[in-house]
Structure formats: C-alpha cells, structure tokens
Amino acid sequence: MVQSVVPSQGNVLNGGVFVAGSWIAPVAEVVAQQLKDWGIDPSSLNLVGHSLGTLLSSEIAWQLKNIHGLGDVGTITALDPP
C-alpha cells in the first residue's frame, strides 16, 4: 500500500496549514505590487484559487484595492476553500 510521506493536512509537528497560511499576506503583497508595477488593471483580472489559494486570491484582491488603491478585481473563483 502506498502512503504519503507528508500528510496533505499537516500535523502538530510540521504546522500544516497554519504555517502555510502565514505566507498568504506576504505572498499577496509581492504579487499585488508586481501587478501594479506591470500596470495591469485589476478589473481585467480573474483570480482562481484552490484551497489556501482561495485565501491568497482574496488577499491579492484586497491588497490591490485597499493598499494600492487600484479598484476591484474582475472575479474571484474559489475552489474548495478551507
């Protein structure tokens, strides 16, 4: 029988989604800044995220609107949010 080396949900020893979740804001900050630098209009963006990626998509949209003052993204598609 095949077993996963690293459980998909993590555990007490490796922090699981709690450690991964701590990276959402810093990654979103970098992505939002890069999109701004490229001159991309947020209303033309369609963000798609799966699992923790749904939270990342939401944070990117929030940063673009509230930190960079660029307005709302076109859509966010959240697939299997936590």
PDB file of N, CA and C in Angstrom:
ATOM      1  N   MET A   1       0.839  -1.177   0.000  1.00  0.00           N
ATOM      2  CA  MET A   1       0.000   0.000   0.000  1.00  0.00           C
ATOM      3  C   MET A   1       0.889   1.247   0.000  1.00  0.00           C
ATOM      4  N   VAL A   2       0.545   2.242  -0.814  1.00  0.00           N
ATOM      5  CA  VAL A   2       1.307   3.485  -0.901  1.00  0.00           C
ATOM      6  C   VAL A   2       0.798   4.461   0.149  1.00  0.00           C
ATOM      7  N   GLN A   3       1.742   5.063   0.865  1.00  0.00           N
ATOM      8  CA  GLN A   3       1.380   6.068   1.860  1.00  0.00           C
ATOM      9  C   GLN A   3       2.082   7.373   1.532  1.00  0.00           C
ATOM     10  N   SER A   4       1.442   8.454   1.875  1.00  0.00           N
ATOM     11  CA  SER A   4       2.028   9.771   1.659  1.00  0.00           C
ATOM     12  C   SER A   4       3.151  10.001   2.656  1.00  0.00           C
ATOM     13  N   VAL A   5       4.254  10.563   2.180  1.00  0.00           N
ATOM     14  CA  VAL A   5       5.371  10.886   3.061  1.00  0.00           C
ATOM     15  C   VAL A   5       5.010  12.073   3.945  1.00  0.00           C
ATOM     16  N   VAL A   6       4.318  13.048   3.373  1.00  0.00           N
ATOM     17  CA  VAL A   6       3.885  14.226   4.125  1.00  0.00           C
ATOM     18  C   VAL A   6       2.369  14.307   4.025  1.00  0.00           C
ATOM     19  N   PRO A   7       1.663  14.224   5.146  1.00  0.00           N
ATOM     20  CA  PRO A   7       0.198  14.307   5.098  1.00  0.00           C
ATOM     21  C   PRO A   7      -0.255  15.625   4.477  1.00  0.00           C
ATOM     22  N   SER A   8      -1.312  15.570   3.685  1.00  0.00           N
ATOM     23  CA  SER A   8      -1.764  16.772   2.989  1.00  0.00           C
ATOM     24  C   SER A   8      -2.260  17.851   3.942  1.00  0.00           C
ATOM     25  N   GLN A   9      -2.793  17.466   5.078  1.00  0.00           N
ATOM     26  CA  GLN A   9      -3.294  18.450   6.032  1.00  0.00           C
ATOM     27  C   GLN A   9      -2.262  18.823   7.083  1.00  0.00           C
ATOM     28  N   GLY A  10      -1.101  18.219   7.055  1.00  0.00           N
ATOM     29  CA  GLY A  10      -0.070  18.526   8.041  1.00  0.00           C
ATOM     30  C   GLY A  10      -0.406  17.900   9.385  1.00  0.00           C
ATOM     31  N   ASN A  11       0.429  18.175  10.346  1.00  0.00           N
ATOM     32  CA  ASN A  11       0.193  17.672  11.689  1.00  0.00           C
ATOM     33  C   ASN A  11       0.817  18.629  12.691  1.00  0.00           C
ATOM     34  N   VAL A  12       0.784  18.264  13.944  1.00  0.00           N
ATOM     35  CA  VAL A  12       1.303  19.133  15.003  1.00  0.00           C
ATOM     36  C   VAL A  12       2.795  19.395  14.818  1.00  0.00           C
ATOM     37  N   LEU A  13       3.529  18.430  14.284  1.00  0.00           N
ATOM     38  CA  LEU A  13       4.977  18.576  14.154  1.00  0.00           C
ATOM     39  C   LEU A  13       5.401  19.511  13.029  1.00  0.00           C
ATOM     40  N   ASN A  14       4.685  19.483  11.906  1.00  0.00           N
ATOM     41  CA  ASN A  14       5.123  20.328  10.785  1.00  0.00           C
ATOM     42  C   ASN A  14       4.277  21.584  10.595  1.00  0.00           C
ATOM     43  N   GLY A  15       3.282  21.794  11.415  1.00  0.00           N
ATOM     44  CA  GLY A  15       2.496  23.015  11.346  1.00  0.00           C
ATOM     45  C   GLY A  15       1.362  23.003  10.341  1.00  0.00           C
ATOM     46  N   GLY A  16       1.451  22.154   9.338  1.00  0.00           N
ATOM     47  CA  GLY A  16       0.374  22.019   8.362  1.00  0.00           C
ATOM     48  C   GLY A  16      -0.094  23.327   7.772  1.00  0.00           C
ATOM     49  N   VAL A  17      -1.414  23.472   7.672  1.00  0.00           N
ATOM     50  CA  VAL A  17      -1.992  24.654   7.040  1.00  0.00           C
ATOM     51  C   VAL A  17      -1.733  25.930   7.833  1.00  0.00           C
ATOM     52  N   PHE A  18      -1.425  25.807   9.111  1.00  0.00           N
ATOM     53  CA  PHE A  18      -1.177  27.005   9.910  1.00  0.00           C
ATOM     54  C   PHE A  18       0.105  27.703   9.465  1.00  0.00           C
ATOM     55  N   VAL A  19       1.137  26.936   9.178  1.00  0.00           N
ATOM     56  CA  VAL A  19       2.383  27.520   8.682  1.00  0.00           C
ATOM     57  C   VAL A  19       2.170  28.041   7.262  1.00  0.00           C
ATOM     58  N   ALA A  20       1.522  27.263   6.432  1.00  0.00           N
ATOM     59  CA  ALA A  20       1.261  27.692   5.054  1.00  0.00           C
ATOM     60  C   ALA A  20       0.416  28.963   5.040  1.00  0.00           C
ATOM     61  N   GLY A  21      -0.549  29.044   5.926  1.00  0.00           N
ATOM     62  CA  GLY A  21      -1.416  30.217   5.999  1.00  0.00           C
ATOM     63  C   GLY A  21      -0.681  31.491   6.360  1.00  0.00           C
ATOM     64  N   SER A  22       0.422  31.361   7.079  1.00  0.00           N
ATOM     65  CA  SER A  22       1.182  32.547   7.480  1.00  0.00           C
ATOM     66  C   SER A  22       1.895  33.200   6.290  1.00  0.00           C
ATOM     67  N   TRP A  23       1.973  32.501   5.175  1.00  0.00           N
ATOM     68  CA  TRP A  23       2.625  33.042   3.981  1.00  0.00           C
ATOM     69  C   TRP A  23       1.654  33.784   3.070  1.00  0.00           C
ATOM     70  N   ILE A  24       0.359  33.725   3.345  1.00  0.00           N
ATOM     71  CA  ILE A  24      -0.629  34.313   2.439  1.00  0.00           C
ATOM     72  C   ILE A  24      -0.424  35.820   2.271  1.00  0.00           C
ATOM     73  N   ALA A  25      -0.375  36.561   3.359  1.00  0.00           N
ATOM     74  CA  ALA A  25      -0.242  38.027   3.264  1.00  0.00           C
ATOM     75  C   ALA A  25       1.069  38.460   2.604  1.00  0.00           C
ATOM     76  N   PRO A  26       2.221  37.887   3.003  1.00  0.00           N
ATOM     77  CA  PRO A  26       3.463  38.319   2.348  1.00  0.00           C
ATOM     78  C   PRO A  26       3.510  38.002   0.852  1.00  0.00           C
ATOM     79  N   VAL A  27       2.995  36.853   0.463  1.00  0.00           N
ATOM     80  CA  VAL A  27       2.984  36.493  -0.963  1.00  0.00           C
ATOM     81  C   VAL A  27       2.024  37.405  -1.722  1.00  0.00           C
ATOM     82  N   ALA A  28       0.852  37.661  -1.145  1.00  0.00           N
ATOM     83  CA  ALA A  28      -0.120  38.552  -1.788  1.00  0.00           C
ATOM     84  C   ALA A  28       0.448  39.952  -1.962  1.00  0.00           C
ATOM     85  N   GLU A  29       1.218  40.407  -0.985  1.00  0.00           N
ATOM     86  CA  GLU A  29       1.834  41.732  -1.066  1.00  0.00           C
ATOM     87  C   GLU A  29       2.774  41.830  -2.267  1.00  0.00           C
ATOM     88  N   VAL A  30       3.592  40.806  -2.453  1.00  0.00           N
ATOM     89  CA  VAL A  30       4.535  40.788  -3.580  1.00  0.00           C
ATOM     90  C   VAL A  30       3.781  40.709  -4.910  1.00  0.00           C
ATOM     91  N   VAL A  31       2.783  39.843  -4.983  1.00  0.00           N
ATOM     92  CA  VAL A  31       2.020  39.685  -6.226  1.00  0.00           C
ATOM     93  C   VAL A  31       1.283  40.977  -6.574  1.00  0.00           C
ATOM     94  N   ALA A  32       0.616  41.585  -5.589  1.00  0.00           N
ATOM     95  CA  ALA A  32      -0.124  42.827  -5.838  1.00  0.00           C
ATOM     96  C   ALA A  32       0.812  43.939  -6.307  1.00  0.00           C
ATOM     97  N   GLN A  33       1.973  44.044  -5.681  1.00  0.00           N
ATOM     98  CA  GLN A  33       2.939  45.067  -6.089  1.00  0.00           C
ATOM     99  C   GLN A  33       3.418  44.822  -7.514  1.00  0.00           C
ATOM    100  N   GLN A  34       3.674  43.568  -7.858  1.00  0.00           N
ATOM    101  CA  GLN A  34       4.139  43.248  -9.211  1.00  0.00           C
ATOM    102  C   GLN A  34       3.062  43.567 -10.245  1.00  0.00           C
ATOM    103  N   LEU A  35       1.812  43.225  -9.934  1.00  0.00           N
ATOM    104  CA  LEU A  35       0.718  43.539 -10.855  1.00  0.00           C
ATOM    105  C   LEU A  35       0.594  45.048 -11.054  1.00  0.00           C
ATOM    106  N   LYS A  36       0.765  45.802  -9.967  1.00  0.00           N
ATOM    107  CA  LYS A  36       0.733  47.267 -10.062  1.00  0.00           C
ATOM    108  C   LYS A  36       1.889  47.770 -10.925  1.00  0.00           C
ATOM    109  N   ASP A  37       3.095  47.235 -10.680  1.00  0.00           N
ATOM    110  CA  ASP A  37       4.272  47.644 -11.454  1.00  0.00           C
ATOM    111  C   ASP A  37       4.099  47.361 -12.945  1.00  0.00           C
ATOM    112  N   TRP A  38       3.433  46.264 -13.274  1.00  0.00           N
ATOM    113  CA  TRP A  38       3.189  45.912 -14.670  1.00  0.00           C
ATOM    114  C   TRP A  38       2.072  46.742 -15.290  1.00  0.00           C
ATOM    115  N   GLY A  39       1.361  47.508 -14.464  1.00  0.00           N
ATOM    116  CA  GLY A  39       0.275  48.343 -14.971  1.00  0.00           C
ATOM    117  C   GLY A  39      -0.979  47.580 -15.334  1.00  0.00           C
ATOM    118  N   ILE A  40      -1.187  46.443 -14.699  1.00  0.00           N
ATOM    119  CA  ILE A  40      -2.362  45.625 -15.004  1.00  0.00           C
ATOM    120  C   ILE A  40      -3.586  46.191 -14.284  1.00  0.00           C
ATOM    121  N   ASP A  41      -4.668  46.368 -15.032  1.00  0.00           N
ATOM    122  CA  ASP A  41      -5.927  46.851 -14.478  1.00  0.00           C
ATOM    123  C   ASP A  41      -6.601  45.705 -13.721  1.00  0.00           C
ATOM    124  N   PRO A  42      -6.829  45.854 -12.404  1.00  0.00           N
ATOM    125  CA  PRO A  42      -7.433  44.771 -11.624  1.00  0.00           C
ATOM    126  C   PRO A  42      -8.784  44.305 -12.161  1.00  0.00           C
ATOM    127  N   SER A  43      -9.545  45.204 -12.763  1.00  0.00           N
ATOM    128  CA  SER A  43     -10.861  44.798 -13.268  1.00  0.00           C
ATOM    129  C   SER A  43     -10.753  43.792 -14.414  1.00  0.00           C
ATOM    130  N   SER A  44      -9.565  43.676 -15.009  1.00  0.00           N
ATOM    131  CA  SER A  44      -9.361  42.695 -16.083  1.00  0.00           C
ATOM    132  C   SER A  44      -8.863  41.354 -15.548  1.00  0.00           C
ATOM    133  N   LEU A  45      -8.655  41.266 -14.228  1.00  0.00           N
ATOM    134  CA  LEU A  45      -8.137  40.035 -13.628  1.00  0.00           C
ATOM    135  C   LEU A  45      -9.259  39.093 -13.223  1.00  0.00           C
ATOM    136  N   ASN A  46      -9.041  37.807 -13.468  1.00  0.00           N
ATOM    137  CA  ASN A  46      -9.915  36.750 -12.990  1.00  0.00           C
ATOM    138  C   ASN A  46      -9.046  35.817 -12.163  1.00  0.00           C
ATOM    139  N   LEU A  47      -9.106  35.959 -10.845  1.00  0.00           N
ATOM    140  CA  LEU A  47      -8.263  35.162  -9.955  1.00  0.00           C
ATOM    141  C   LEU A  47      -8.949  33.844  -9.631  1.00  0.00           C
ATOM    142  N   VAL A  48      -8.198  32.754  -9.715  1.00  0.00           N
ATOM    143  CA  VAL A  48      -8.707  31.421  -9.402  1.00  0.00           C
ATOM    144  C   VAL A  48      -7.792  30.815  -8.360  1.00  0.00           C
ATOM    145  N   GLY A  49      -8.368  30.325  -7.272  1.00  0.00           N
ATOM    146  CA  GLY A  49      -7.570  29.699  -6.228  1.00  0.00           C
ATOM    147  C   GLY A  49      -8.214  28.421  -5.739  1.00  0.00           C
ATOM    148  N   HIS A  50      -7.377  27.472  -5.371  1.00  0.00           N
ATOM    149  CA  HIS A  50      -7.845  26.208  -4.807  1.00  0.00           C
ATOM    150  C   HIS A  50      -7.328  26.082  -3.388  1.00  0.00           C
ATOM    151  N   SER A  51      -8.186  25.704  -2.462  1.00  0.00           N
ATOM    152  CA  SER A  51      -7.833  25.512  -1.058  1.00  0.00           C
ATOM    153  C   SER A  51      -7.242  26.801  -0.485  1.00  0.00           C
ATOM    154  N   LEU A  52      -6.011  26.774   0.016  1.00  0.00           N
ATOM    155  CA  LEU A  52      -5.419  28.003   0.553  1.00  0.00           C
ATOM    156  C   LEU A  52      -5.226  29.062  -0.529  1.00  0.00           C
ATOM    157  N   GLY A  53      -5.179  28.637  -1.773  1.00  0.00           N
ATOM    158  CA  GLY A  53      -5.089  29.586  -2.876  1.00  0.00           C
ATOM    159  C   GLY A  53      -6.309  30.490  -2.966  1.00  0.00           C
ATOM    160  N   THR A  54      -7.457  30.030  -2.445  1.00  0.00           N
ATOM    161  CA  THR A  54      -8.636  30.898  -2.415  1.00  0.00           C
ATOM    162  C   THR A  54      -8.393  32.077  -1.482  1.00  0.00           C
ATOM    163  N   LEU A  55      -7.727  31.813  -0.366  1.00  0.00           N
ATOM    164  CA  LEU A  55      -7.399  32.889   0.572  1.00  0.00           C
ATOM    165  C   LEU A  55      -6.361  33.827  -0.032  1.00  0.00           C
ATOM    166  N   LEU A  56      -5.414  33.266  -0.769  1.00  0.00           N
ATOM    167  CA  LEU A  56      -4.406  34.085  -1.443  1.00  0.00           C
ATOM    168  C   LEU A  56      -5.065  34.990  -2.486  1.00  0.00           C
ATOM    169  N   SER A  57      -5.973  34.449  -3.281  1.00  0.00           N
ATOM    170  CA  SER A  57      -6.679  35.249  -4.284  1.00  0.00           C
ATOM    171  C   SER A  57      -7.433  36.399  -3.633  1.00  0.00           C
ATOM    172  N   SER A  58      -8.097  36.101  -2.543  1.00  0.00           N
ATOM    173  CA  SER A  58      -8.844  37.125  -1.814  1.00  0.00           C
ATOM    174  C   SER A  58      -7.922  38.208  -1.268  1.00  0.00           C
ATOM    175  N   GLU A  59      -6.790  37.804  -0.725  1.00  0.00           N
ATOM    176  CA  GLU A  59      -5.831  38.764  -0.164  1.00  0.00           C
ATOM    177  C   GLU A  59      -5.204  39.623  -1.262  1.00  0.00           C
ATOM    178  N   ILE A  60      -4.913  39.035  -2.408  1.00  0.00           N
ATOM    179  CA  ILE A  60      -4.385  39.812  -3.534  1.00  0.00           C
ATOM    180  C   ILE A  60      -5.401  40.880  -3.935  1.00  0.00           C
ATOM    181  N   ALA A  61      -6.666  40.480  -4.056  1.00  0.00           N
ATOM    182  CA  ALA A  61      -7.718  41.435  -4.418  1.00  0.00           C
ATOM    183  C   ALA A  61      -7.825  42.545  -3.379  1.00  0.00           C
ATOM    184  N   TRP A  62      -7.755  42.179  -2.102  1.00  0.00           N
ATOM    185  CA  TRP A  62      -7.844  43.172  -1.031  1.00  0.00           C
ATOM    186  C   TRP A  62      -6.679  44.153  -1.103  1.00  0.00           C
ATOM    187  N   GLN A  63      -5.477  43.627  -1.307  1.00  0.00           N
ATOM    188  CA  GLN A  63      -4.289  44.488  -1.385  1.00  0.00           C
ATOM    189  C   GLN A  63      -4.374  45.441  -2.577  1.00  0.00           C
ATOM    190  N   LEU A  64      -4.798  44.937  -3.723  1.00  0.00           N
ATOM    191  CA  LEU A  64      -4.903  45.791  -4.904  1.00  0.00           C
ATOM    192  C   LEU A  64      -5.856  46.956  -4.659  1.00  0.00           C
ATOM    193  N   LYS A  65      -6.979  46.667  -3.988  1.00  0.00           N
ATOM    194  CA  LYS A  65      -7.980  47.705  -3.757  1.00  0.00           C
ATOM    195  C   LYS A  65      -7.612  48.622  -2.592  1.00  0.00           C
ATOM    196  N   ASN A  66      -7.255  48.051  -1.453  1.00  0.00           N
ATOM    197  CA  ASN A  66      -7.114  48.838  -0.230  1.00  0.00           C
ATOM    198  C   ASN A  66      -5.715  49.374   0.040  1.00  0.00           C
ATOM    199  N   ILE A  67      -4.688  48.709  -0.434  1.00  0.00           N
ATOM    200  CA  ILE A  67      -3.318  49.178  -0.217  1.00  0.00           C
ATOM    201  C   ILE A  67      -2.854  50.010  -1.414  1.00  0.00           C
ATOM    202  N   HIS A  68      -3.143  49.517  -2.614  1.00  0.00           N
ATOM    203  CA  HIS A  68      -2.656  50.180  -3.825  1.00  0.00           C
ATOM    204  C   HIS A  68      -3.696  51.097  -4.470  1.00  0.00           C
ATOM    205  N   GLY A  69      -4.942  51.057  -3.982  1.00  0.00           N
ATOM    206  CA  GLY A  69      -5.985  51.943  -4.492  1.00  0.00           C
ATOM    207  C   GLY A  69      -6.340  51.738  -5.951  1.00  0.00           C
ATOM    208  N   LEU A  70      -6.258  50.495  -6.412  1.00  0.00           N
ATOM    209  CA  LEU A  70      -6.468  50.221  -7.836  1.00  0.00           C
ATOM    210  C   LEU A  70      -7.858  49.709  -8.183  1.00  0.00           C
ATOM    211  N   GLY A  71      -8.735  49.527  -7.230  1.00  0.00           N
ATOM    212  CA  GLY A  71     -10.090  49.062  -7.522  1.00  0.00           C
ATOM    213  C   GLY A  71     -10.247  47.561  -7.399  1.00  0.00           C
ATOM    214  N   ASP A  72     -11.453  47.112  -7.721  1.00  0.00           N
ATOM    215  CA  ASP A  72     -11.815  45.699  -7.579  1.00  0.00           C
ATOM    216  C   ASP A  72     -11.277  44.850  -8.725  1.00  0.00           C
ATOM    217  N   VAL A  73     -10.998  43.573  -8.413  1.00  0.00           N
ATOM    218  CA  VAL A  73     -10.650  42.619  -9.466  1.00  0.00           C
ATOM    219  C   VAL A  73     -11.931  42.213 -10.181  1.00  0.00           C
ATOM    220  N   GLY A  74     -11.769  41.657 -11.380  1.00  0.00           N
ATOM    221  CA  GLY A  74     -12.927  41.232 -12.157  1.00  0.00           C
ATOM    222  C   GLY A  74     -13.734  40.169 -11.432  1.00  0.00           C
ATOM    223  N   THR A  75     -13.111  39.013 -11.187  1.00  0.00           N
ATOM    224  CA  THR A  75     -13.776  37.928 -10.465  1.00  0.00           C
ATOM    225  C   THR A  75     -12.759  37.162  -9.632  1.00  0.00           C
ATOM    226  N   ILE A  76     -13.288  36.472  -8.631  1.00  0.00           N
ATOM    227  CA  ILE A  76     -12.501  35.501  -7.869  1.00  0.00           C
ATOM    228  C   ILE A  76     -13.285  34.198  -7.903  1.00  0.00           C
ATOM    229  N   THR A  77     -12.638  33.133  -8.345  1.00  0.00           N
ATOM    230  CA  THR A  77     -13.244  31.809  -8.323  1.00  0.00           C
ATOM    231  C   THR A  77     -12.561  31.011  -7.227  1.00  0.00           C
ATOM    232  N   ALA A  78     -13.340  30.648  -6.204  1.00  0.00           N
ATOM    233  CA  ALA A  78     -12.807  29.927  -5.044  1.00  0.00           C
ATOM    234  C   ALA A  78     -13.176  28.453  -5.156  1.00  0.00           C
ATOM    235  N   LEU A  79     -12.174  27.604  -5.351  1.00  0.00           N
ATOM    236  CA  LEU A  79     -12.380  26.164  -5.479  1.00  0.00           C
ATOM    237  C   LEU A  79     -11.986  25.473  -4.185  1.00  0.00           C
ATOM    238  N   ASP A  80     -12.939  24.872  -3.511  1.00  0.00           N
ATOM    239  CA  ASP A  80     -12.699  24.123  -2.275  1.00  0.00           C
ATOM    240  C   ASP A  80     -11.988  24.966  -1.213  1.00  0.00           C
ATOM    241  N   PRO A  81     -12.573  26.124  -0.843  1.00  0.00           N
ATOM    242  CA  PRO A  81     -11.924  26.962   0.175  1.00  0.00           C
ATOM    243  C   PRO A  81     -11.887  26.265   1.528  1.00  0.00           C
ATOM    244  N   PRO A  82     -10.881  26.604   2.351  1.00  0.00           N
ATOM    245  CA  PRO A  82     -10.800  25.953   3.675  1.00  0.00           C
ATOM    246  C   PRO A  82     -11.899  26.423   4.599  1.00  0.00           C
TER     247      PRO A  82
END
